[in-house]
Amino acid sequence: EVIATLMVWAIDCGDLPLALRIGAYVVRHNLIMPDNFGRTAATVLTEEICNPVLTQAGTDADADLSAFIEPLDTLWEIVANQDMP
């Protein structure tokens, strides 16, 4: 649970490269998220990274989202084969 929590903290701090490195480990080894998350690690990783991007895109049609391309591509590589309810 500690490593999975560190993944979320890295996202919260905006350190997406660190969050994705930890997330790849968490997903690859099927580590369980703490109970208070109520979702799989792949789902948490995806939602926590994508929601701010979607919010920014929805509130500012002219927003430059190019900085998110690489992290989102990496995220896709991590979660592509995961079941995310």
C-alpha atoms as a PDB file:
ATOM      1  CA  GLU A   1       0.000   0.000   0.000  1.00  0.00           C
ATOM      2  CA  VAL A   2       2.872   2.387   0.665  1.00  0.00           C
ATOM      3  CA  ILE A   3       4.211   2.260  -2.881  1.00  0.00           C
ATOM      4  CA  ALA A   4       0.735   2.732  -4.342  1.00  0.00           C
ATOM      5  CA  THR A   5       0.192   5.734  -2.071  1.00  0.00           C
ATOM      6  CA  LEU A   6       3.530   7.200  -3.198  1.00  0.00           C
ATOM      7  CA  MET A   7       2.281   6.905  -6.782  1.00  0.00           C
ATOM      8  CA  VAL A   8      -0.747   9.044  -5.935  1.00  0.00           C
ATOM      9  CA  TRP A   9       1.348  11.555  -4.006  1.00  0.00           C
ATOM     10  CA  ALA A  10       3.651  11.945  -7.013  1.00  0.00           C
ATOM     11  CA  ILE A  11       0.620  12.684  -9.187  1.00  0.00           C
ATOM     12  CA  ASP A  12      -0.678  15.176  -6.627  1.00  0.00           C
ATOM     13  CA  CYS A  13       2.720  16.924  -6.654  1.00  0.00           C
ATOM     14  CA  GLY A  14       2.673  17.117 -10.450  1.00  0.00           C
ATOM     15  CA  ASP A  15       5.671  14.818 -10.845  1.00  0.00           C
ATOM     16  CA  LEU A  16       4.194  12.729 -13.650  1.00  0.00           C
ATOM     17  CA  PRO A  17       7.467  11.042 -14.659  1.00  0.00           C
ATOM     18  CA  LEU A  18       7.907   9.733 -11.100  1.00  0.00           C
ATOM     19  CA  ALA A  19       4.233   8.784 -10.831  1.00  0.00           C
ATOM     20  CA  LEU A  20       4.453   6.840 -14.079  1.00  0.00           C
ATOM     21  CA  ARG A  21       7.629   5.017 -13.025  1.00  0.00           C
ATOM     22  CA  ILE A  22       6.011   4.006  -9.750  1.00  0.00           C
ATOM     23  CA  GLY A  23       2.719   3.289 -11.521  1.00  0.00           C
ATOM     24  CA  ALA A  24       4.398   0.949 -13.991  1.00  0.00           C
ATOM     25  CA  TYR A  25       5.811  -1.026 -11.070  1.00  0.00           C
ATOM     26  CA  VAL A  26       2.504  -1.046  -9.184  1.00  0.00           C
ATOM     27  CA  VAL A  27       0.515  -2.207 -12.227  1.00  0.00           C
ATOM     28  CA  ARG A  28       3.118  -4.738 -13.409  1.00  0.00           C
ATOM     29  CA  HIS A  29       3.201  -6.390  -9.982  1.00  0.00           C
ATOM     30  CA  ASN A  30      -0.560  -6.152  -9.381  1.00  0.00           C
ATOM     31  CA  LEU A  31      -0.097  -4.225  -6.152  1.00  0.00           C
ATOM     32  CA  ILE A  32      -3.289  -3.368  -4.318  1.00  0.00           C
ATOM     33  CA  MET A  33      -4.396   0.203  -3.719  1.00  0.00           C
ATOM     34  CA  PRO A  34      -5.295   1.174  -0.149  1.00  0.00           C
ATOM     35  CA  ASP A  35      -8.971   0.596   0.644  1.00  0.00           C
ATOM     36  CA  ASN A  36      -9.876   4.281   0.606  1.00  0.00           C
ATOM     37  CA  PHE A  37      -9.266   4.442  -3.160  1.00  0.00           C
ATOM     38  CA  GLY A  38     -11.806   1.749  -4.023  1.00  0.00           C
ATOM     39  CA  ARG A  39     -10.342   1.239  -7.499  1.00  0.00           C
ATOM     40  CA  THR A  40      -7.601  -0.747  -9.165  1.00  0.00           C
ATOM     41  CA  ALA A  41      -4.138   0.774  -9.466  1.00  0.00           C
ATOM     42  CA  ALA A  42      -4.519   1.121 -13.240  1.00  0.00           C
ATOM     43  CA  THR A  43      -7.824   2.941 -12.803  1.00  0.00           C
ATOM     44  CA  VAL A  44      -6.430   5.292 -10.152  1.00  0.00           C
ATOM     45  CA  LEU A  45      -3.344   6.029 -12.247  1.00  0.00           C
ATOM     46  CA  THR A  46      -5.431   6.739 -15.340  1.00  0.00           C
ATOM     47  CA  GLU A  47      -8.065   8.865 -13.638  1.00  0.00           C
ATOM     48  CA  GLU A  48      -5.663  10.882 -11.513  1.00  0.00           C
ATOM     49  CA  ILE A  49      -3.454  11.728 -14.491  1.00  0.00           C
ATOM     50  CA  CYS A  50      -6.209  12.284 -17.055  1.00  0.00           C
ATOM     51  CA  ASN A  51      -8.741  14.266 -15.012  1.00  0.00           C
ATOM     52  CA  PRO A  52      -6.595  17.424 -14.713  1.00  0.00           C
ATOM     53  CA  VAL A  53      -5.791  17.253 -18.431  1.00  0.00           C
ATOM     54  CA  LEU A  54      -9.475  16.897 -19.299  1.00  0.00           C
ATOM     55  CA  THR A  55     -10.385  19.743 -16.956  1.00  0.00           C
ATOM     56  CA  GLN A  56      -7.799  22.033 -18.521  1.00  0.00           C
ATOM     57  CA  ALA A  57      -8.933  21.109 -22.025  1.00  0.00           C
ATOM     58  CA  GLY A  58     -12.565  21.700 -21.076  1.00  0.00           C
ATOM     59  CA  THR A  59     -12.016  25.094 -19.481  1.00  0.00           C
ATOM     60  CA  ASP A  60      -9.543  26.542 -21.985  1.00  0.00           C
ATOM     61  CA  ALA A  61     -10.079  25.614 -25.612  1.00  0.00           C
ATOM     62  CA  ASP A  62      -6.771  27.273 -26.508  1.00  0.00           C
ATOM     63  CA  ALA A  63      -4.731  25.497 -23.826  1.00  0.00           C
ATOM     64  CA  ASP A  64      -1.418  24.072 -24.964  1.00  0.00           C
ATOM     65  CA  LEU A  65      -1.655  20.442 -23.907  1.00  0.00           C
ATOM     66  CA  SER A  66       1.448  19.314 -25.788  1.00  0.00           C
ATOM     67  CA  ALA A  67       3.346  18.771 -22.521  1.00  0.00           C
ATOM     68  CA  PHE A  68       0.934  15.957 -21.723  1.00  0.00           C
ATOM     69  CA  ILE A  69       1.540  13.945 -24.910  1.00  0.00           C
ATOM     70  CA  GLU A  70       4.547  12.011 -23.623  1.00  0.00           C
ATOM     71  CA  PRO A  71       3.088  11.248 -20.171  1.00  0.00           C
ATOM     72  CA  LEU A  72      -0.209  10.135 -21.727  1.00  0.00           C
ATOM     73  CA  ASP A  73       1.623   7.904 -24.214  1.00  0.00           C
ATOM     74  CA  THR A  74       3.558   6.357 -21.325  1.00  0.00           C
ATOM     75  CA  LEU A  75       0.335   5.930 -19.359  1.00  0.00           C
ATOM     76  CA  TRP A  76      -1.204   4.109 -22.317  1.00  0.00           C
ATOM     77  CA  GLU A  77       1.741   1.702 -22.459  1.00  0.00           C
ATOM     78  CA  ILE A  78       1.272   0.916 -18.756  1.00  0.00           C
ATOM     79  CA  VAL A  79      -2.500   0.397 -18.706  1.00  0.00           C
ATOM     80  CA  ALA A  80      -3.327  -0.760 -22.246  1.00  0.00           C
ATOM     81  CA  ASN A  81      -4.005  -4.365 -21.230  1.00  0.00           C
ATOM     82  CA  GLN A  82      -5.558  -3.652 -17.840  1.00  0.00           C
ATOM     83  CA  ASP A  83      -9.198  -4.180 -16.920  1.00  0.00           C
ATOM     84  CA  MET A  84     -10.464  -0.862 -15.624  1.00  0.00           C
ATOM     85  CA  PRO A  85     -14.028  -1.063 -14.357  1.00  0.00           C
END
